[in-house]
Amino acid sequence: MQTSEQAQAQRLLQWDQDRYVINRNLLLNDDERHETTLIYRRRDNSECTDYRQYSVIMTNWNPRLLGEYAYRW
């Protein structure tokens, strides 16, 4: 996890949230931006008690369409 994702996961842990979705613009080149969505999700039955119990996925799809991948997550 990058520093900003780690900090966000720590905040989610403090707020006791299991899922969080945020839209961001990813800078690709000097003037090229790509709209993307970051989805934070707390893992079920995680052995960790800190920010590591969250996983983050980046997508440019609708976050609701990722439900079919939940079994791998």
Protein backbone atom coordinates (compact mmCIF):
# COMPACT_ATOMS: atom_id res chain seq x y z
CA MET A 1 0.00 0.00 0.00
CA GLN A 2 1.20 3.49 -0.78
CA THR A 3 1.40 6.08 1.99
CA SER A 4 -1.88 7.83 1.12
CA GLU A 5 -3.74 4.50 0.89
CA GLN A 6 -2.24 3.41 4.21
CA ALA A 7 -3.33 6.66 5.87
CA GLN A 8 -6.85 6.27 4.44
CA ALA A 9 -7.03 2.68 5.71
CA GLN A 10 -6.00 3.89 9.17
CA ARG A 11 -8.79 6.49 9.11
CA LEU A 12 -11.32 3.85 8.03
CA LEU A 13 -10.20 1.67 10.92
CA GLN A 14 -10.77 4.56 13.34
CA TRP A 15 -14.21 5.20 11.83
CA ASP A 16 -15.00 1.44 11.89
CA GLN A 17 -16.01 1.33 8.21
CA ASP A 18 -15.92 -1.92 6.23
CA ARG A 19 -16.03 -0.38 2.75
CA TYR A 20 -15.16 2.96 1.18
CA VAL A 21 -15.22 4.15 -2.45
CA ILE A 22 -13.47 7.27 -3.75
CA ASN A 23 -13.02 8.67 -7.27
CA ARG A 24 -9.63 10.07 -8.23
CA ASN A 25 -7.80 11.39 -11.27
CA LEU A 26 -4.61 9.50 -11.99
CA LEU A 27 -1.89 11.57 -13.68
CA LEU A 28 -0.38 9.57 -16.56
CA ASN A 29 1.68 12.12 -18.51
CA ASP A 30 2.25 15.85 -18.44
CA ASP A 31 -1.34 16.67 -19.33
CA GLU A 32 -3.07 13.28 -19.52
CA ARG A 33 -5.36 12.28 -16.67
CA HIS A 34 -7.30 9.06 -16.19
CA GLU A 35 -10.42 8.84 -14.05
CA THR A 36 -10.19 5.94 -11.65
CA THR A 37 -11.96 4.60 -8.58
CA LEU A 38 -10.29 3.27 -5.44
CA ILE A 39 -12.26 0.78 -3.38
CA TYR A 40 -11.19 -0.01 0.17
CA ARG A 41 -12.59 -3.14 1.73
CA ARG A 42 -12.00 -4.74 5.11
CA ARG A 43 -11.05 -8.40 4.80
CA ASP A 44 -13.19 -10.92 6.62
CA ASN A 45 -11.42 -12.88 9.36
CA SER A 46 -8.20 -10.90 9.04
CA GLU A 47 -5.40 -11.80 11.44
CA CYS A 48 -4.19 -8.18 11.44
CA THR A 49 -5.57 -5.55 13.79
CA ASP A 50 -4.16 -2.48 12.03
CA TYR A 51 -4.50 -0.94 8.55
CA ARG A 52 -3.35 -4.21 6.91
CA GLN A 53 -6.83 -5.70 7.30
CA TYR A 54 -7.92 -3.48 4.38
CA SER A 55 -7.36 -4.27 0.73
CA VAL A 56 -7.48 -1.66 -2.03
CA ILE A 57 -8.45 -2.18 -5.64
CA MET A 58 -8.19 0.40 -8.42
CA THR A 59 -10.63 0.27 -11.32
CA ASN A 60 -12.21 2.42 -13.99
CA TRP A 61 -15.40 0.32 -13.96
CA ASN A 62 -18.52 0.85 -11.94
CA PRO A 63 -17.67 -0.37 -8.40
CA ARG A 64 -20.96 -2.29 -8.22
CA LEU A 65 -19.80 -4.54 -11.06
CA LEU A 66 -16.93 -5.86 -8.95
CA GLY A 67 -19.25 -7.88 -6.73
CA GLU A 68 -18.57 -11.02 -8.72
CA TYR A 69 -14.89 -10.82 -7.75
CA ALA A 70 -15.62 -10.65 -4.02
CA TYR A 71 -14.82 -14.32 -3.53
CA ARG A 72 -11.21 -13.69 -4.66
CA TRP A 73 -10.86 -10.54 -2.64
